[in-house]
PDB file of all heavy atoms in Angstrom:
ATOM      1  N   ILE A   1    -121.450 -49.614  25.191  1.00  0.00           N
ATOM      2  CA  ILE A   1    -122.713 -49.234  25.836  1.00  0.00           C
ATOM      3  C   ILE A   1    -122.802 -49.944  27.174  1.00  0.00           C
ATOM      4  O   ILE A   1    -122.444 -51.134  27.302  1.00  0.00           O
ATOM      5  CB  ILE A   1    -123.937 -49.630  24.979  1.00  0.00           C
ATOM      6  CG1 ILE A   1    -123.807 -48.999  23.592  1.00  0.00           C
ATOM      7  CG2 ILE A   1    -125.231 -49.239  25.625  1.00  0.00           C
ATOM      8  CD1 ILE A   1    -124.775 -49.584  22.559  1.00  0.00           C
ATOM      9  N   GLU A   2    -123.262 -49.207  28.205  1.00  0.00           N
ATOM     10  CA  GLU A   2    -123.443 -49.840  29.505  1.00  0.00           C
ATOM     11  C   GLU A   2    -124.844 -49.598  30.047  1.00  0.00           C
ATOM     12  O   GLU A   2    -125.390 -48.468  29.930  1.00  0.00           O
ATOM     13  CB  GLU A   2    -122.421 -49.293  30.498  1.00  0.00           C
ATOM     14  CG  GLU A   2    -122.584 -49.886  31.901  1.00  0.00           C
ATOM     15  CD  GLU A   2    -121.430 -49.512  32.816  1.00  0.00           C
ATOM     16  OE1 GLU A   2    -120.324 -49.977  32.565  1.00  0.00           O
ATOM     17  OE2 GLU A   2    -121.676 -48.761  33.757  1.00  0.00           O
ATOM     18  N   ARG A   3    -125.425 -50.635  30.588  1.00  0.00           N
ATOM     19  CA  ARG A   3    -126.729 -50.537  31.305  1.00  0.00           C
ATOM     20  C   ARG A   3    -126.544 -51.263  32.606  1.00  0.00           C
ATOM     21  O   ARG A   3    -126.344 -52.480  32.673  1.00  0.00           O
ATOM     22  CB  ARG A   3    -127.835 -51.180  30.466  1.00  0.00           C
ATOM     23  CG  ARG A   3    -129.206 -51.087  31.136  1.00  0.00           C
ATOM     24  CD  ARG A   3    -130.255 -51.802  30.319  1.00  0.00           C
ATOM     25  NE  ARG A   3    -130.409 -51.227  28.994  1.00  0.00           N
ATOM     26  CZ  ARG A   3    -131.107 -51.807  28.016  1.00  0.00           C
ATOM     27  NH1 ARG A   3    -131.660 -52.968  28.206  1.00  0.00           N
ATOM     28  NH2 ARG A   3    -131.201 -51.211  26.842  1.00  0.00           N
ATOM     29  N   ARG A   4    -126.678 -50.532  33.736  1.00  0.00           N
ATOM     30  CA  ARG A   4    -126.369 -51.117  35.034  1.00  0.00           C
ATOM     31  C   ARG A   4    -127.463 -52.031  35.559  1.00  0.00           C
ATOM     32  O   ARG A   4    -127.190 -52.948  36.320  1.00  0.00           O
ATOM     33  CB  ARG A   4    -126.082 -49.999  36.034  1.00  0.00           C
ATOM     34  CG  ARG A   4    -124.775 -49.303  35.753  1.00  0.00           C
ATOM     35  CD  ARG A   4    -124.334 -48.406  36.875  1.00  0.00           C
ATOM     36  NE  ARG A   4    -122.975 -47.926  36.691  1.00  0.00           N
ATOM     37  CZ  ARG A   4    -121.892 -48.570  37.053  1.00  0.00           C
ATOM     38  NH1 ARG A   4    -122.023 -49.738  37.647  1.00  0.00           N
ATOM     39  NH2 ARG A   4    -120.709 -48.097  36.846  1.00  0.00           N
ATOM     40  N   THR A   5    -128.698 -51.793  35.185  1.00  0.00           N
ATOM     41  CA  THR A   5    -129.785 -52.682  35.580  1.00  0.00           C
ATOM     42  C   THR A   5    -130.678 -52.891  34.376  1.00  0.00           C
ATOM     43  O   THR A   5    -130.631 -52.089  33.420  1.00  0.00           O
ATOM     44  CB  THR A   5    -130.609 -52.110  36.743  1.00  0.00           C
ATOM     45  OG1 THR A   5    -131.371 -51.000  36.255  1.00  0.00           O
ATOM     46  CG2 THR A   5    -129.714 -51.685  37.901  1.00  0.00           C
ATOM     47  N   PRO A   6    -131.533 -53.908  34.383  1.00  0.00           N
ATOM     48  CA  PRO A   6    -132.410 -54.114  33.216  1.00  0.00           C
ATOM     49  C   PRO A   6    -133.317 -52.929  32.911  1.00  0.00           C
ATOM     50  O   PRO A   6    -133.767 -52.785  31.765  1.00  0.00           O
ATOM     51  CB  PRO A   6    -133.208 -55.380  33.614  1.00  0.00           C
ATOM     52  CG  PRO A   6    -132.335 -56.083  34.613  1.00  0.00           C
ATOM     53  CD  PRO A   6    -131.627 -55.000  35.363  1.00  0.00           C
ATOM     54  N   THR A   7    -133.592 -52.082  33.901  1.00  0.00           N
ATOM     55  CA  THR A   7    -134.508 -50.963  33.670  1.00  0.00           C
ATOM     56  C   THR A   7    -133.850 -49.608  33.588  1.00  0.00           C
ATOM     57  O   THR A   7    -134.486 -48.612  33.357  1.00  0.00           O
ATOM     58  CB  THR A   7    -135.577 -50.912  34.777  1.00  0.00           C
ATOM     59  OG1 THR A   7    -134.920 -50.782  36.055  1.00  0.00           O
ATOM     60  CG2 THR A   7    -136.420 -52.209  34.782  1.00  0.00           C
ATOM     61  N   SER A   8    -132.516 -49.581  33.801  1.00  0.00           N
ATOM     62  CA  SER A   8    -131.813 -48.282  33.771  1.00  0.00           C
ATOM     63  C   SER A   8    -131.493 -47.893  32.341  1.00  0.00           C
ATOM     64  O   SER A   8    -131.472 -48.727  31.430  1.00  0.00           O
ATOM     65  CB  SER A   8    -130.523 -48.377  34.607  1.00  0.00           C
ATOM     66  OG  SER A   8    -129.631 -49.285  34.024  1.00  0.00           O
ATOM     67  N   PRO A   9    -131.277 -46.574  32.084  1.00  0.00           N
ATOM     68  CA  PRO A   9    -130.962 -46.138  30.745  1.00  0.00           C
ATOM     69  C   PRO A   9    -129.579 -46.579  30.287  1.00  0.00           C
ATOM     70  O   PRO A   9    -128.704 -46.886  31.116  1.00  0.00           O
ATOM     71  CB  PRO A   9    -131.097 -44.627  30.841  1.00  0.00           C
ATOM     72  CG  PRO A   9    -130.758 -44.330  32.270  1.00  0.00           C
ATOM     73  CD  PRO A   9    -131.346 -45.471  33.057  1.00  0.00           C
ATOM     74  N   ASP A  10    -129.371 -46.545  28.963  1.00  0.00           N
ATOM     75  CA  ASP A  10    -128.054 -46.839  28.421  1.00  0.00           C
ATOM     76  C   ASP A  10    -127.150 -45.599  28.520  1.00  0.00           C
ATOM     77  O   ASP A  10    -127.642 -44.469  28.495  1.00  0.00           O
ATOM     78  CB  ASP A  10    -128.136 -47.227  26.936  1.00  0.00           C
ATOM     79  CG  ASP A  10    -128.846 -48.558  26.741  1.00  0.00           C
ATOM     80  OD1 ASP A  10    -128.664 -49.449  27.611  1.00  0.00           O
ATOM     81  OD2 ASP A  10    -129.514 -48.743  25.742  1.00  0.00           O
ATOM     82  N   SER A  11    -125.870 -45.820  28.623  1.00  0.00           N
ATOM     83  CA  SER A  11    -124.898 -44.715  28.613  1.00  0.00           C
ATOM     84  C   SER A  11    -123.696 -45.148  27.812  1.00  0.00           C
ATOM     85  O   SER A  11    -123.468 -46.329  27.571  1.00  0.00           O
ATOM     86  CB  SER A  11    -124.495 -44.320  30.048  1.00  0.00           C
ATOM     87  OG  SER A  11    -123.920 -45.427  30.727  1.00  0.00           O
ATOM     88  N   VAL A  12    -122.920 -44.147  27.375  1.00  0.00           N
ATOM     89  CA  VAL A  12    -121.696 -44.424  26.611  1.00  0.00           C
ATOM     90  C   VAL A  12    -120.601 -44.872  27.591  1.00  0.00           C
ATOM     91  O   VAL A  12    -120.291 -44.164  28.561  1.00  0.00           O
ATOM     92  CB  VAL A  12    -121.222 -43.174  25.861  1.00  0.00           C
ATOM     93  CG1 VAL A  12    -119.918 -43.464  25.121  1.00  0.00           C
ATOM     94  CG2 VAL A  12    -122.316 -42.740  24.894  1.00  0.00           C
ATOM     95  N   LEU A  13    -120.030 -46.039  27.355  1.00  0.00           N
ATOM     96  CA  LEU A  13    -118.963 -46.553  28.228  1.00  0.00           C
ATOM     97  C   LEU A  13    -117.623 -46.435  27.515  1.00  0.00           C
ATOM     98  O   LEU A  13    -117.490 -46.849  26.358  1.00  0.00           O
ATOM     99  CB  LEU A  13    -119.262 -48.037  28.564  1.00  0.00           C
ATOM    100  CG  LEU A  13    -118.123 -48.820  29.273  1.00  0.00           C
ATOM    101  CD1 LEU A  13    -117.904 -48.244  30.648  1.00  0.00           C
ATOM    102  CD2 LEU A  13    -118.422 -50.295  29.286  1.00  0.00           C
ATOM    103  N   VAL A  14    -116.639 -45.860  28.191  1.00  0.00           N
ATOM    104  CA  VAL A  14    -115.291 -45.792  27.675  1.00  0.00           C
ATOM    105  C   VAL A  14    -114.330 -46.421  28.675  1.00  0.00           C
ATOM    106  O   VAL A  14    -114.381 -46.091  29.873  1.00  0.00           O
ATOM    107  CB  VAL A  14    -114.848 -44.340  27.362  1.00  0.00           C
ATOM    108  CG1 VAL A  14    -113.390 -44.282  26.947  1.00  0.00           C
ATOM    109  CG2 VAL A  14    -115.740 -43.754  26.263  1.00  0.00           C
ATOM    110  N   ILE A  15    -113.484 -47.326  28.193  1.00  0.00           N
ATOM    111  CA  ILE A  15    -112.503 -47.972  29.032  1.00  0.00           C
ATOM    112  C   ILE A  15    -111.110 -47.612  28.472  1.00  0.00           C
ATOM    113  O   ILE A  15    -110.859 -47.748  27.268  1.00  0.00           O
ATOM    114  CB  ILE A  15    -112.668 -49.495  29.027  1.00  0.00           C
ATOM    115  CG1 ILE A  15    -113.983 -49.845  29.704  1.00  0.00           C
ATOM    116  CG2 ILE A  15    -111.503 -50.188  29.731  1.00  0.00           C
ATOM    117  CD1 ILE A  15    -114.335 -51.315  29.641  1.00  0.00           C
ATOM    118  N   ARG A  16    -110.225 -47.129  29.322  1.00  0.00           N
ATOM    119  CA  ARG A  16    -108.874 -46.706  28.897  1.00  0.00           C
ATOM    120  C   ARG A  16    -107.855 -47.622  29.538  1.00  0.00           C
ATOM    121  O   ARG A  16    -107.888 -47.841  30.775  1.00  0.00           O
ATOM    122  CB  ARG A  16    -108.667 -45.253  29.316  1.00  0.00           C
ATOM    123  CG  ARG A  16    -107.346 -44.659  28.946  1.00  0.00           C
ATOM    124  CD  ARG A  16    -107.266 -44.315  27.467  1.00  0.00           C
ATOM    125  NE  ARG A  16    -106.130 -43.415  27.303  1.00  0.00           N
ATOM    126  CZ  ARG A  16    -104.859 -43.811  27.168  1.00  0.00           C
ATOM    127  NH1 ARG A  16    -104.579 -45.103  27.136  1.00  0.00           N
ATOM    128  NH2 ARG A  16    -103.899 -42.925  27.012  1.00  0.00           N
ATOM    129  N   THR A  17    -106.935 -48.171  28.710  1.00  0.00           N
ATOM    130  CA  THR A  17    -105.892 -49.072  29.238  1.00  0.00           C
ATOM    131  C   THR A  17    -104.522 -48.578  28.801  1.00  0.00           C
ATOM    132  O   THR A  17    -104.393 -47.720  27.910  1.00  0.00           O
ATOM    133  CB  THR A  17    -106.080 -50.516  28.698  1.00  0.00           C
ATOM    134  OG1 THR A  17    -105.632 -50.595  27.351  1.00  0.00           O
ATOM    135  CG2 THR A  17    -107.543 -50.933  28.781  1.00  0.00           C
ATOM    136  N   ASP A  18    -103.493 -49.131  29.439  1.00  0.00           N
ATOM    137  CA  ASP A  18    -102.130 -48.873  28.940  1.00  0.00           C
ATOM    138  C   ASP A  18    -101.825 -49.856  27.804  1.00  0.00           C
ATOM    139  O   ASP A  18    -102.696 -50.606  27.356  1.00  0.00           O
ATOM    140  CB  ASP A  18    -101.123 -48.990  30.082  1.00  0.00           C
ATOM    141  CG  ASP A  18    -101.023 -50.393  30.706  1.00  0.00           C
ATOM    142  OD1 ASP A  18    -101.509 -51.368  30.082  1.00  0.00           O
ATOM    143  OD2 ASP A  18    -100.477 -50.489  31.816  1.00  0.00           O
ATOM    144  N   SER A  19    -100.567 -49.859  27.349  1.00  0.00           N
ATOM    145  CA  SER A  19    -100.201 -50.666  26.193  1.00  0.00           C
ATOM    146  C   SER A  19    -100.275 -52.166  26.463  1.00  0.00           C
ATOM    147  O   SER A  19    -100.313 -52.962  25.536  1.00  0.00           O
ATOM    148  CB  SER A  19     -98.795 -50.308  25.710  1.00  0.00           C
ATOM    149  OG  SER A  19     -97.857 -50.537  26.747  1.00  0.00           O
ATOM    150  N   LEU A  20    -100.321 -52.576  27.738  1.00  0.00           N
ATOM    151  CA  LEU A  20    -100.409 -53.989  28.095  1.00  0.00           C
ATOM    152  C   LEU A  20    -101.839 -54.402  28.424  1.00  0.00           C
ATOM    153  O   LEU A  20    -102.095 -55.555  28.778  1.00  0.00           O
ATOM    154  CB  LEU A  20     -99.502 -54.280  29.292  1.00  0.00           C
ATOM    155  CG  LEU A  20     -98.017 -54.025  29.073  1.00  0.00           C
ATOM    156  CD1 LEU A  20     -97.218 -54.317  30.343  1.00  0.00           C
ATOM    157  CD2 LEU A  20     -97.490 -54.878  27.919  1.00  0.00           C
ATOM    158  N   GLY A  21    -102.776 -53.460  28.318  1.00  0.00           N
ATOM    159  CA  GLY A  21    -104.185 -53.794  28.598  1.00  0.00           C
ATOM    160  C   GLY A  21    -104.579 -53.581  30.039  1.00  0.00           C
ATOM    161  O   GLY A  21    -105.705 -53.905  30.386  1.00  0.00           O
ATOM    162  N   THR A  22    -103.708 -53.031  30.872  1.00  0.00           N
ATOM    163  CA  THR A  22    -104.050 -52.788  32.273  1.00  0.00           C
ATOM    164  C   THR A  22    -104.975 -51.559  32.331  1.00  0.00           C
ATOM    165  O   THR A  22    -104.722 -50.531  31.720  1.00  0.00           O
ATOM    166  CB  THR A  22    -102.776 -52.490  33.085  1.00  0.00           C
ATOM    167  OG1 THR A  22    -101.874 -53.596  32.947  1.00  0.00           O
ATOM    168  CG2 THR A  22    -103.122 -52.319  34.555  1.00  0.00           C
ATOM    169  N   LEU A  23    -106.026 -51.683  33.120  1.00  0.00           N
ATOM    170  CA  LEU A  23    -107.042 -50.624  33.224  1.00  0.00           C
ATOM    171  C   LEU A  23    -106.464 -49.367  33.829  1.00  0.00           C
ATOM    172  O   LEU A  23    -105.838 -49.411  34.901  1.00  0.00           O
ATOM    173  CB  LEU A  23    -108.224 -51.111  34.043  1.00  0.00           C
ATOM    174  CG  LEU A  23    -109.365 -50.076  34.270  1.00  0.00           C
ATOM    175  CD1 LEU A  23    -110.069 -49.796  32.952  1.00  0.00           C
ATOM    176  CD2 LEU A  23    -110.356 -50.589  35.305  1.00  0.00           C
ATOM    177  N   LEU A  24    -106.635 -48.233  33.140  1.00  0.00           N
ATOM    178  CA  LEU A  24    -106.241 -46.909  33.663  1.00  0.00           C
ATOM    179  C   LEU A  24    -107.459 -46.194  34.239  1.00  0.00           C
ATOM    180  O   LEU A  24    -107.399 -45.633  35.308  1.00  0.00           O
ATOM    181  CB  LEU A  24    -105.582 -46.075  32.552  1.00  0.00           C
ATOM    182  CG  LEU A  24    -104.292 -46.611  31.962  1.00  0.00           C
ATOM    183  CD1 LEU A  24    -103.797 -45.703  30.839  1.00  0.00           C
ATOM    184  CD2 LEU A  24    -103.237 -46.737  33.030  1.00  0.00           C
ATOM    185  N   TRP A  25    -108.548 -46.182  33.471  1.00  0.00           N
ATOM    186  CA  TRP A  25    -109.809 -45.598  33.985  1.00  0.00           C
ATOM    187  C   TRP A  25    -110.953 -46.068  33.122  1.00  0.00           C
ATOM    188  O   TRP A  25    -110.764 -46.539  31.992  1.00  0.00           O
ATOM    189  CB  TRP A  25    -109.764 -44.082  34.071  1.00  0.00           C
ATOM    190  CG  TRP A  25    -109.334 -43.298  32.846  1.00  0.00           C
ATOM    191  CD1 TRP A  25    -108.111 -42.784  32.603  1.00  0.00           C
ATOM    192  CD2 TRP A  25    -110.160 -42.971  31.693  1.00  0.00           C
ATOM    193  NE1 TRP A  25    -108.122 -42.110  31.384  1.00  0.00           N
ATOM    194  CE2 TRP A  25    -109.358 -42.231  30.814  1.00  0.00           C
ATOM    195  CE3 TRP A  25    -111.482 -43.204  31.366  1.00  0.00           C
ATOM    196  CZ2 TRP A  25    -109.827 -41.728  29.594  1.00  0.00           C
ATOM    197  CZ3 TRP A  25    -111.958 -42.713  30.134  1.00  0.00           C
ATOM    198  CH2 TRP A  25    -111.163 -41.992  29.278  1.00  0.00           C
ATOM    199  N   ARG A  26    -112.155 -45.942  33.678  1.00  0.00           N
ATOM    200  CA  ARG A  26    -113.389 -46.227  32.920  1.00  0.00           C
ATOM    201  C   ARG A  26    -114.413 -45.146  33.317  1.00  0.00           C
ATOM    202  O   ARG A  26    -114.509 -44.719  34.444  1.00  0.00           O
ATOM    203  CB  ARG A  26    -113.946 -47.621  33.209  1.00  0.00           C
ATOM    204  CG  ARG A  26    -114.399 -47.848  34.636  1.00  0.00           C
ATOM    205  CD  ARG A  26    -114.836 -49.283  34.906  1.00  0.00           C
ATOM    206  NE  ARG A  26    -115.925 -49.695  34.043  1.00  0.00           N
ATOM    207  CZ  ARG A  26    -117.213 -49.428  34.257  1.00  0.00           C
ATOM    208  NH1 ARG A  26    -117.561 -48.700  35.301  1.00  0.00           N
ATOM    209  NH2 ARG A  26    -118.139 -49.889  33.447  1.00  0.00           N
ATOM    210  N   ARG A  27    -115.147 -44.672  32.302  1.00  0.00           N
ATOM    211  CA  ARG A  27    -116.118 -43.609  32.548  1.00  0.00           C
ATOM    212  C   ARG A  27    -117.355 -43.852  31.694  1.00  0.00           C
ATOM    213  O   ARG A  27    -117.286 -44.509  30.649  1.00  0.00           O
ATOM    214  CB  ARG A  27    -115.559 -42.221  32.187  1.00  0.00           C
ATOM    215  CG  ARG A  27    -114.506 -41.693  33.165  1.00  0.00           C
ATOM    216  CD  ARG A  27    -113.963 -40.367  32.674  1.00  0.00           C
ATOM    217  NE  ARG A  27    -112.990 -39.782  33.598  1.00  0.00           N
ATOM    218  CZ  ARG A  27    -113.275 -38.912  34.535  1.00  0.00           C
ATOM    219  NH1 ARG A  27    -114.504 -38.475  34.683  1.00  0.00           N
ATOM    220  NH2 ARG A  27    -112.314 -38.419  35.326  1.00  0.00           N
ATOM    221  N   CYS A  28    -118.470 -43.262  32.124  1.00  0.00           N
ATOM    222  CA  CYS A  28    -119.704 -43.301  31.366  1.00  0.00           C
ATOM    223  C   CYS A  28    -120.113 -41.876  31.000  1.00  0.00           C
ATOM    224  O   CYS A  28    -119.858 -40.930  31.783  1.00  0.00           O
ATOM    225  CB  CYS A  28    -120.838 -43.974  32.156  1.00  0.00           C
ATOM    226  SG  CYS A  28    -120.637 -45.757  32.300  1.00  0.00           S
ATOM    227  N   TYR A  29    -120.746 -41.716  29.840  1.00  0.00           N
ATOM    228  CA  TYR A  29    -121.119 -40.409  29.334  1.00  0.00           C
ATOM    229  C   TYR A  29    -122.562 -40.463  28.826  1.00  0.00           C
ATOM    230  O   TYR A  29    -123.025 -41.509  28.367  1.00  0.00           O
ATOM    231  CB  TYR A  29    -120.206 -39.973  28.181  1.00  0.00           C
ATOM    232  CG  TYR A  29    -118.738 -39.967  28.536  1.00  0.00           C
ATOM    233  CD1 TYR A  29    -117.978 -41.142  28.444  1.00  0.00           C
ATOM    234  CD2 TYR A  29    -118.103 -38.828  28.975  1.00  0.00           C
ATOM    235  CE1 TYR A  29    -116.642 -41.143  28.765  1.00  0.00           C
ATOM    236  CE2 TYR A  29    -116.773 -38.808  29.288  1.00  0.00           C
ATOM    237  CZ  TYR A  29    -116.043 -39.975  29.196  1.00  0.00           C
ATOM    238  OH  TYR A  29    -114.710 -39.979  29.521  1.00  0.00           O
ATOM    239  N   GLY A  30    -123.233 -39.322  28.892  1.00  0.00           N
ATOM    240  CA  GLY A  30    -124.582 -39.260  28.362  1.00  0.00           C
ATOM    241  C   GLY A  30    -125.060 -37.826  28.327  1.00  0.00           C
ATOM    242  O   GLY A  30    -124.673 -37.002  29.148  1.00  0.00           O
ATOM    243  N   LEU A  31    -125.941 -37.525  27.342  1.00  0.00           N
ATOM    244  CA  LEU A  31    -126.470 -36.178  27.204  1.00  0.00           C
ATOM    245  C   LEU A  31    -127.963 -36.156  27.495  1.00  0.00           C
ATOM    246  O   LEU A  31    -128.461 -35.177  28.052  1.00  0.00           O
ATOM    247  CB  LEU A  31    -126.204 -35.656  25.785  1.00  0.00           C
ATOM    248  CG  LEU A  31    -126.526 -34.205  25.501  1.00  0.00           C
ATOM    249  CD1 LEU A  31    -125.678 -33.290  26.395  1.00  0.00           C
ATOM    250  CD2 LEU A  31    -126.311 -33.874  24.039  1.00  0.00           C
ATOM    251  N   ARG A  32    -128.679 -37.207  27.117  1.00  0.00           N
ATOM    252  CA  ARG A  32    -130.132 -37.291  27.349  1.00  0.00           C
ATOM    253  C   ARG A  32    -130.446 -38.583  28.063  1.00  0.00           C
ATOM    254  O   ARG A  32    -129.565 -39.200  28.676  1.00  0.00           O
ATOM    255  CB  ARG A  32    -130.862 -37.171  26.009  1.00  0.00           C
ATOM    256  CG  ARG A  32    -130.601 -35.810  25.323  1.00  0.00           C
ATOM    257  CD  ARG A  32    -131.179 -35.744  23.949  1.00  0.00           C
ATOM    258  NE  ARG A  32    -130.884 -34.453  23.326  1.00  0.00           N
ATOM    259  CZ  ARG A  32    -130.970 -34.238  22.026  1.00  0.00           C
ATOM    260  NH1 ARG A  32    -131.366 -35.199  21.196  1.00  0.00           N
ATOM    261  NH2 ARG A  32    -130.674 -33.045  21.524  1.00  0.00           N
ATOM    262  N   THR A  33    -131.698 -39.014  27.984  1.00  0.00           N
ATOM    263  CA  THR A  33    -132.120 -40.176  28.756  1.00  0.00           C
ATOM    264  C   THR A  33    -131.292 -41.403  28.423  1.00  0.00           C
ATOM    265  O   THR A  33    -130.813 -42.127  29.275  1.00  0.00           O
ATOM    266  CB  THR A  33    -133.601 -40.471  28.518  1.00  0.00           C
ATOM    267  OG1 THR A  33    -134.386 -39.311  28.857  1.00  0.00           O
ATOM    268  CG2 THR A  33    -134.054 -41.641  29.351  1.00  0.00           C
ATOM    269  N   ASN A  34    -131.090 -41.676  27.110  1.00  0.00           N
ATOM    270  CA  ASN A  34    -130.265 -42.809  26.682  1.00  0.00           C
ATOM    271  C   ASN A  34    -129.185 -42.286  25.754  1.00  0.00           C
ATOM    272  O   ASN A  34    -129.442 -41.431  24.885  1.00  0.00           O
ATOM    273  CB  ASN A  34    -131.108 -43.813  25.924  1.00  0.00           C
ATOM    274  CG  ASN A  34    -131.960 -44.675  26.834  1.00  0.00           C
ATOM    275  OD1 ASN A  34    -131.481 -45.634  27.426  1.00  0.00           O
ATOM    276  ND2 ASN A  34    -133.236 -44.291  26.989  1.00  0.00           N
ATOM    277  N   SER A  35    -127.942 -42.797  25.932  1.00  0.00           N
ATOM    278  CA  SER A  35    -126.850 -42.451  25.044  1.00  0.00           C
ATOM    279  C   SER A  35    -126.064 -43.713  24.716  1.00  0.00           C
ATOM    280  O   SER A  35    -125.803 -44.542  25.638  1.00  0.00           O
ATOM    281  CB  SER A  35    -125.934 -41.413  25.684  1.00  0.00           C
ATOM    282  OG  SER A  35    -126.635 -40.177  25.886  1.00  0.00           O
ATOM    283  N   LEU A  36    -125.693 -43.854  23.456  1.00  0.00           N
ATOM    284  CA  LEU A  36    -125.012 -45.046  22.974  1.00  0.00           C
ATOM    285  C   LEU A  36    -123.674 -44.668  22.366  1.00  0.00           C
ATOM    286  O   LEU A  36    -123.548 -43.632  21.706  1.00  0.00           O
ATOM    287  CB  LEU A  36    -125.844 -45.779  21.927  1.00  0.00           C
ATOM    288  CG  LEU A  36    -127.336 -45.982  22.269  1.00  0.00           C
ATOM    289  CD1 LEU A  36    -128.061 -46.616  21.095  1.00  0.00           C
ATOM    290  CD2 LEU A  36    -127.469 -46.861  23.512  1.00  0.00           C
ATOM    291  N   GLY A  37    -122.642 -45.500  22.554  1.00  0.00           N
ATOM    292  CA  GLY A  37    -121.298 -45.217  22.018  1.00  0.00           C
ATOM    293  C   GLY A  37    -120.920 -46.217  20.952  1.00  0.00           C
ATOM    294  O   GLY A  37    -121.097 -47.432  21.148  1.00  0.00           O
ATOM    295  N   PHE A  38    -120.388 -45.746  19.819  1.00  0.00           N
ATOM    296  CA  PHE A  38    -120.050 -46.652  18.717  1.00  0.00           C
ATOM    297  C   PHE A  38    -118.653 -46.407  18.143  1.00  0.00           C
ATOM    298  O   PHE A  38    -118.006 -47.362  17.743  1.00  0.00           O
ATOM    299  CB  PHE A  38    -121.074 -46.523  17.593  1.00  0.00           C
ATOM    300  CG  PHE A  38    -122.434 -47.042  17.955  1.00  0.00           C
ATOM    301  CD1 PHE A  38    -123.396 -46.207  18.477  1.00  0.00           C
ATOM    302  CD2 PHE A  38    -122.737 -48.385  17.788  1.00  0.00           C
ATOM    303  CE1 PHE A  38    -124.642 -46.683  18.818  1.00  0.00           C
ATOM    304  CE2 PHE A  38    -123.981 -48.869  18.138  1.00  0.00           C
ATOM    305  CZ  PHE A  38    -124.943 -48.027  18.652  1.00  0.00           C
ATOM    306  N   SER A  39    -118.184 -45.141  18.039  1.00  0.00           N
ATOM    307  CA  SER A  39    -116.887 -44.895  17.387  1.00  0.00           C
ATOM    308  C   SER A  39    -116.026 -44.053  18.316  1.00  0.00           C
ATOM    309  O   SER A  39    -116.527 -43.282  19.116  1.00  0.00           O
ATOM    310  CB  SER A  39    -117.091 -44.174  16.030  1.00  0.00           C
ATOM    311  OG  SER A  39    -117.655 -42.900  16.236  1.00  0.00           O
ATOM    312  N   ILE A  40    -114.696 -44.204  18.176  1.00  0.00           N
ATOM    313  CA  ILE A  40    -113.757 -43.532  19.057  1.00  0.00           C
ATOM    314  C   ILE A  40    -112.476 -43.271  18.306  1.00  0.00           C
ATOM    315  O   ILE A  40    -112.023 -44.070  17.500  1.00  0.00           O
ATOM    316  CB  ILE A  40    -113.519 -44.356  20.349  1.00  0.00           C
ATOM    317  CG1 ILE A  40    -112.717 -43.565  21.376  1.00  0.00           C
ATOM    318  CG2 ILE A  40    -112.826 -45.681  20.009  1.00  0.00           C
ATOM    319  CD1 ILE A  40    -112.709 -44.216  22.757  1.00  0.00           C
ATOM    320  N   SER A  41    -111.854 -42.101  18.567  1.00  0.00           N
ATOM    321  CA  SER A  41    -110.548 -41.795  17.987  1.00  0.00           C
ATOM    322  C   SER A  41    -109.778 -40.946  19.013  1.00  0.00           C
ATOM    323  O   SER A  41    -110.379 -40.329  19.900  1.00  0.00           O
ATOM    324  CB  SER A  41    -110.671 -41.043  16.651  1.00  0.00           C
ATOM    325  OG  SER A  41    -111.369 -39.829  16.798  1.00  0.00           O
ATOM    326  N   ALA A  42    -108.457 -40.903  18.840  1.00  0.00           N
ATOM    327  CA  ALA A  42    -107.613 -40.209  19.794  1.00  0.00           C
ATOM    328  C   ALA A  42    -107.180 -38.863  19.273  1.00  0.00           C
ATOM    329  O   ALA A  42    -106.880 -38.712  18.077  1.00  0.00           O
ATOM    330  CB  ALA A  42    -106.369 -41.062  20.110  1.00  0.00           C
ATOM    331  N   LEU A  43    -107.136 -37.879  20.140  1.00  0.00           N
ATOM    332  CA  LEU A  43    -106.600 -36.551  19.806  1.00  0.00           C
ATOM    333  C   LEU A  43    -105.092 -36.545  20.013  1.00  0.00           C
ATOM    334  O   LEU A  43    -104.536 -37.399  20.726  1.00  0.00           O
ATOM    335  CB  LEU A  43    -107.221 -35.509  20.720  1.00  0.00           C
ATOM    336  CG  LEU A  43    -108.740 -35.277  20.512  1.00  0.00           C
ATOM    337  CD1 LEU A  43    -109.348 -34.553  21.713  1.00  0.00           C
ATOM    338  CD2 LEU A  43    -108.963 -34.489  19.232  1.00  0.00           C
ATOM    339  N   PRO A  44    -104.369 -35.615  19.389  1.00  0.00           N
ATOM    340  CA  PRO A  44    -102.904 -35.602  19.516  1.00  0.00           C
ATOM    341  C   PRO A  44    -102.407 -35.495  20.952  1.00  0.00           C
ATOM    342  O   PRO A  44    -101.323 -35.991  21.283  1.00  0.00           O
ATOM    343  CB  PRO A  44    -102.502 -34.362  18.718  1.00  0.00           C
ATOM    344  CG  PRO A  44    -103.585 -34.192  17.708  1.00  0.00           C
ATOM    345  CD  PRO A  44    -104.836 -34.612  18.429  1.00  0.00           C
ATOM    346  N   ASP A  45    -103.182 -34.845  21.869  1.00  0.00           N
ATOM    347  CA  ASP A  45    -102.743 -34.688  23.242  1.00  0.00           C
ATOM    348  C   ASP A  45    -103.169 -35.840  24.136  1.00  0.00           C
ATOM    349  O   ASP A  45    -102.932 -35.818  25.371  1.00  0.00           O
ATOM    350  CB  ASP A  45    -103.264 -33.374  23.827  1.00  0.00           C
ATOM    351  CG  ASP A  45    -104.770 -33.343  23.972  1.00  0.00           C
ATOM    352  OD1 ASP A  45    -105.460 -34.308  23.557  1.00  0.00           O
ATOM    353  OD2 ASP A  45    -105.312 -32.360  24.520  1.00  0.00           O
TER     354      ASP A  45
END
């Protein structure tokens, strides 16, 4: 979960790394005013 300021809404934060932990990308997701992220799994592709 990411909140950029004390008054801003929450969003789903995803961080993607390589096998050594080096950052590949980071993104935030949301559908409504507040969105929270808890579980994650990988697709075959």
